[in-house]
Amino acid sequence: MDQARDGVGEEVDEFLKEATISGVKDAQALTNQEVAILLDKYRTTNVQTTPGFCPPPMVIKTQAYLEQVSGGAGKNEEAATAIRE
């Protein structure tokens, strides 16, 4: 089980390395909605490239929670736009 988690952690780390946003220095600069967008991009990318991909339950729960509490437009629309692209 730990090996499966390690693989997921490495996969997420690799995805986050590729998901850089110009002008954003750390994760604290992102709003909840922007984090939810990143998680959605992670899920969507893997669903398209990996047949039978199912995101880890924590990714699904975190994304749903962040979308629920963000309540609308992100505070940093420029960063949110960069994430979506």
N, C-alpha and C. Protein backbone atom coordinates (compact mmCIF):
# COMPACT_ATOMS: atom_id res chain seq x y z
N MET A 1 0.83 -1.20 0.00
CA MET A 1 0.00 0.00 0.00
C MET A 1 0.87 1.25 0.00
N ASP A 2 1.93 1.26 0.82
CA ASP A 2 2.82 2.41 0.86
C ASP A 2 3.50 2.62 -0.48
N GLN A 3 3.83 1.54 -1.17
CA GLN A 3 4.45 1.67 -2.48
C GLN A 3 3.50 2.33 -3.46
N ALA A 4 2.23 2.00 -3.39
CA ALA A 4 1.25 2.62 -4.26
C ALA A 4 1.15 4.11 -3.98
N ARG A 5 1.16 4.47 -2.70
CA ARG A 5 1.12 5.89 -2.34
C ARG A 5 2.36 6.61 -2.82
N ASP A 6 3.53 5.97 -2.67
CA ASP A 6 4.77 6.58 -3.13
C ASP A 6 4.71 6.87 -4.62
N GLY A 7 4.18 5.93 -5.39
CA GLY A 7 4.06 6.13 -6.83
C GLY A 7 3.14 7.29 -7.16
N VAL A 8 2.04 7.40 -6.44
CA VAL A 8 1.11 8.51 -6.65
C VAL A 8 1.78 9.82 -6.26
N GLY A 9 2.49 9.82 -5.15
CA GLY A 9 3.17 11.03 -4.70
C GLY A 9 4.19 11.50 -5.72
N GLU A 10 4.95 10.58 -6.28
CA GLU A 10 5.93 10.93 -7.31
C GLU A 10 5.23 11.46 -8.55
N GLU A 11 4.12 10.84 -8.91
CA GLU A 11 3.36 11.27 -10.09
C GLU A 11 2.83 12.69 -9.89
N VAL A 12 2.30 12.97 -8.71
CA VAL A 12 1.78 14.31 -8.41
C VAL A 12 2.93 15.31 -8.40
N ASP A 13 4.06 14.95 -7.77
CA ASP A 13 5.22 15.84 -7.75
C ASP A 13 5.67 16.18 -9.16
N GLU A 14 5.73 15.18 -10.02
CA GLU A 14 6.16 15.41 -11.40
C GLU A 14 5.17 16.32 -12.12
N PHE A 15 3.88 16.10 -11.91
CA PHE A 15 2.86 16.95 -12.53
C PHE A 15 3.01 18.39 -12.06
N LEU A 16 3.22 18.57 -10.75
CA LEU A 16 3.33 19.92 -10.21
C LEU A 16 4.57 20.64 -10.72
N LYS A 17 5.64 19.91 -11.00
CA LYS A 17 6.83 20.53 -11.58
C LYS A 17 6.50 21.11 -12.95
N GLU A 18 5.66 20.42 -13.70
CA GLU A 18 5.28 20.87 -15.04
C GLU A 18 4.22 21.97 -15.00
N ALA A 19 3.51 22.09 -13.92
CA ALA A 19 2.40 23.05 -13.81
C ALA A 19 2.87 24.34 -13.15
N THR A 20 3.92 24.92 -13.69
CA THR A 20 4.43 26.16 -13.12
C THR A 20 3.64 27.35 -13.65
N ILE A 21 3.58 28.37 -12.85
CA ILE A 21 2.83 29.57 -13.19
C ILE A 21 3.78 30.75 -13.04
N SER A 22 3.98 31.50 -14.10
CA SER A 22 4.89 32.63 -14.00
C SER A 22 4.36 33.64 -12.99
N GLY A 23 5.23 34.15 -12.15
CA GLY A 23 4.85 35.14 -11.16
C GLY A 23 4.38 34.55 -9.85
N VAL A 24 4.16 33.25 -9.78
CA VAL A 24 3.73 32.63 -8.54
C VAL A 24 4.92 31.87 -7.96
N LYS A 25 5.34 32.29 -6.76
CA LYS A 25 6.55 31.74 -6.16
C LYS A 25 6.30 30.52 -5.30
N ASP A 26 5.13 30.40 -4.70
CA ASP A 26 4.85 29.25 -3.84
C ASP A 26 3.36 28.96 -3.83
N ALA A 27 3.01 27.83 -3.26
CA ALA A 27 1.61 27.39 -3.26
C ALA A 27 0.72 28.32 -2.45
N GLN A 28 1.27 29.03 -1.48
CA GLN A 28 0.45 29.92 -0.67
C GLN A 28 -0.11 31.08 -1.48
N ALA A 29 0.46 31.34 -2.63
CA ALA A 29 -0.01 32.44 -3.47
C ALA A 29 -1.26 32.06 -4.26
N LEU A 30 -1.64 30.79 -4.24
CA LEU A 30 -2.80 30.34 -5.00
C LEU A 30 -4.06 30.37 -4.15
N THR A 31 -5.16 30.69 -4.79
CA THR A 31 -6.45 30.63 -4.10
C THR A 31 -6.94 29.19 -4.11
N ASN A 32 -7.97 28.94 -3.33
CA ASN A 32 -8.57 27.60 -3.30
C ASN A 32 -9.04 27.17 -4.69
N GLN A 33 -9.65 28.10 -5.41
CA GLN A 33 -10.17 27.77 -6.73
C GLN A 33 -9.03 27.41 -7.69
N GLU A 34 -7.93 28.11 -7.58
CA GLU A 34 -6.79 27.82 -8.45
C GLU A 34 -6.20 26.44 -8.16
N VAL A 35 -6.17 26.07 -6.89
CA VAL A 35 -5.70 24.72 -6.54
C VAL A 35 -6.67 23.69 -7.11
N ALA A 36 -7.96 23.97 -7.02
CA ALA A 36 -8.96 23.05 -7.59
C ALA A 36 -8.77 22.91 -9.09
N ILE A 37 -8.43 24.00 -9.76
CA ILE A 37 -8.20 23.96 -11.21
C ILE A 37 -6.98 23.09 -11.52
N LEU A 38 -5.92 23.24 -10.72
CA LEU A 38 -4.72 22.41 -10.90
C LEU A 38 -5.06 20.92 -10.73
N LEU A 39 -5.84 20.61 -9.70
CA LEU A 39 -6.22 19.22 -9.48
C LEU A 39 -7.05 18.69 -10.65
N ASP A 40 -7.95 19.53 -11.19
CA ASP A 40 -8.76 19.12 -12.32
C ASP A 40 -7.88 18.89 -13.54
N LYS A 41 -6.90 19.77 -13.74
CA LYS A 41 -5.99 19.61 -14.87
C LYS A 41 -5.18 18.31 -14.72
N TYR A 42 -4.74 18.01 -13.50
CA TYR A 42 -4.02 16.76 -13.22
C TYR A 42 -4.89 15.56 -13.58
N ARG A 43 -6.14 15.59 -13.11
CA ARG A 43 -7.05 14.47 -13.36
C ARG A 43 -7.35 14.34 -14.85
N THR A 44 -7.68 15.44 -15.50
CA THR A 44 -8.03 15.42 -16.92
C THR A 44 -6.86 14.94 -17.77
N THR A 45 -5.67 15.44 -17.48
CA THR A 45 -4.48 15.03 -18.24
C THR A 45 -4.24 13.54 -18.12
N ASN A 46 -4.35 13.01 -16.92
CA ASN A 46 -4.10 11.59 -16.72
C ASN A 46 -5.20 10.72 -17.30
N VAL A 47 -6.44 11.18 -17.27
CA VAL A 47 -7.54 10.41 -17.85
C VAL A 47 -7.33 10.30 -19.36
N GLN A 48 -6.83 11.38 -19.98
CA GLN A 48 -6.62 11.37 -21.43
C GLN A 48 -5.42 10.53 -21.84
N THR A 49 -4.39 10.48 -20.99
CA THR A 49 -3.15 9.81 -21.37
C THR A 49 -3.01 8.40 -20.81
N THR A 50 -3.77 8.05 -19.78
CA THR A 50 -3.63 6.74 -19.15
C THR A 50 -4.98 6.02 -19.16
N PRO A 51 -5.12 5.01 -20.00
CA PRO A 51 -6.39 4.26 -20.03
C PRO A 51 -6.71 3.67 -18.66
N GLY A 52 -7.93 3.85 -18.23
CA GLY A 52 -8.36 3.30 -16.95
C GLY A 52 -7.87 4.08 -15.74
N PHE A 53 -7.34 5.29 -15.96
CA PHE A 53 -6.83 6.08 -14.83
C PHE A 53 -7.98 6.47 -13.91
N CYS A 54 -7.76 6.30 -12.63
CA CYS A 54 -8.70 6.74 -11.61
C CYS A 54 -7.91 7.53 -10.58
N PRO A 55 -8.23 8.82 -10.41
CA PRO A 55 -7.45 9.62 -9.47
C PRO A 55 -7.59 9.10 -8.05
N PRO A 56 -6.58 9.32 -7.23
CA PRO A 56 -6.66 8.91 -5.83
C PRO A 56 -7.87 9.56 -5.16
N PRO A 57 -8.55 8.86 -4.26
CA PRO A 57 -9.73 9.41 -3.60
C PRO A 57 -9.47 10.77 -2.93
N MET A 58 -8.28 10.96 -2.38
CA MET A 58 -8.00 12.23 -1.72
C MET A 58 -7.97 13.39 -2.72
N VAL A 59 -7.51 13.14 -3.93
CA VAL A 59 -7.52 14.18 -4.96
C VAL A 59 -8.96 14.57 -5.29
N ILE A 60 -9.82 13.58 -5.43
CA ILE A 60 -11.23 13.84 -5.74
C ILE A 60 -11.89 14.62 -4.60
N LYS A 61 -11.67 14.17 -3.37
CA LYS A 61 -12.28 14.84 -2.21
C LYS A 61 -11.74 16.26 -2.04
N THR A 62 -10.44 16.43 -2.22
CA THR A 62 -9.84 17.76 -2.07
C THR A 62 -10.38 18.70 -3.13
N GLN A 63 -10.46 18.23 -4.37
CA GLN A 63 -10.98 19.06 -5.45
C GLN A 63 -12.42 19.48 -5.18
N ALA A 64 -13.25 18.55 -4.76
CA ALA A 64 -14.65 18.86 -4.48
C ALA A 64 -14.76 19.86 -3.33
N TYR A 65 -13.97 19.67 -2.29
CA TYR A 65 -13.99 20.59 -1.15
C TYR A 65 -13.56 21.99 -1.58
N LEU A 66 -12.48 22.09 -2.32
CA LEU A 66 -11.98 23.40 -2.73
C LEU A 66 -12.96 24.11 -3.64
N GLU A 67 -13.59 23.38 -4.54
CA GLU A 67 -14.59 23.99 -5.41
C GLU A 67 -15.78 24.49 -4.60
N GLN A 68 -16.13 23.75 -3.57
CA GLN A 68 -17.27 24.14 -2.72
C GLN A 68 -16.95 25.40 -1.93
N VAL A 69 -15.76 25.48 -1.33
CA VAL A 69 -15.45 26.61 -0.46
C VAL A 69 -14.94 27.83 -1.21
N SER A 70 -14.50 27.67 -2.48
CA SER A 70 -13.97 28.82 -3.20
C SER A 70 -15.07 29.80 -3.56
N GLY A 71 -16.25 29.30 -3.84
CA GLY A 71 -17.42 30.14 -4.04
C GLY A 71 -17.31 31.18 -5.14
N GLY A 72 -16.73 30.86 -6.25
CA GLY A 72 -16.73 31.80 -7.36
C GLY A 72 -15.35 32.09 -7.90
N ALA A 73 -15.23 33.26 -8.48
CA ALA A 73 -13.99 33.63 -9.17
C ALA A 73 -12.82 33.69 -8.20
N GLY A 74 -11.66 33.27 -8.70
CA GLY A 74 -10.43 33.33 -7.90
C GLY A 74 -9.99 34.76 -7.68
N LYS A 75 -9.18 34.95 -6.65
CA LYS A 75 -8.69 36.29 -6.34
C LYS A 75 -7.63 36.74 -7.33
N ASN A 76 -6.91 35.80 -7.89
CA ASN A 76 -5.84 36.13 -8.82
C ASN A 76 -6.21 35.57 -10.18
N GLU A 77 -6.99 36.31 -10.93
CA GLU A 77 -7.53 35.82 -12.20
C GLU A 77 -6.43 35.55 -13.22
N GLU A 78 -5.35 36.33 -13.19
CA GLU A 78 -4.24 36.11 -14.12
C GLU A 78 -3.61 34.73 -13.90
N ALA A 79 -3.38 34.38 -12.65
CA ALA A 79 -2.81 33.06 -12.34
C ALA A 79 -3.81 31.96 -12.70
N ALA A 80 -5.08 32.19 -12.43
CA ALA A 80 -6.10 31.19 -12.76
C ALA A 80 -6.15 30.94 -14.26
N THR A 81 -6.02 32.01 -15.05
CA THR A 81 -6.01 31.87 -16.50
C THR A 81 -4.79 31.09 -16.95
N ALA A 82 -3.64 31.37 -16.35
CA ALA A 82 -2.40 30.66 -16.70
C ALA A 82 -2.52 29.17 -16.37
N ILE A 83 -3.20 28.84 -15.29
CA ILE A 83 -3.37 27.44 -14.90
C ILE A 83 -4.24 26.72 -15.92
N ARG A 84 -5.29 27.38 -16.38
CA ARG A 84 -6.23 26.74 -17.30
C ARG A 84 -5.60 26.43 -18.65
N GLU A 85 -4.60 27.21 -19.05
CA GLU A 85 -3.99 27.05 -20.39
C GLU A 85 -3.06 25.90 -20.48
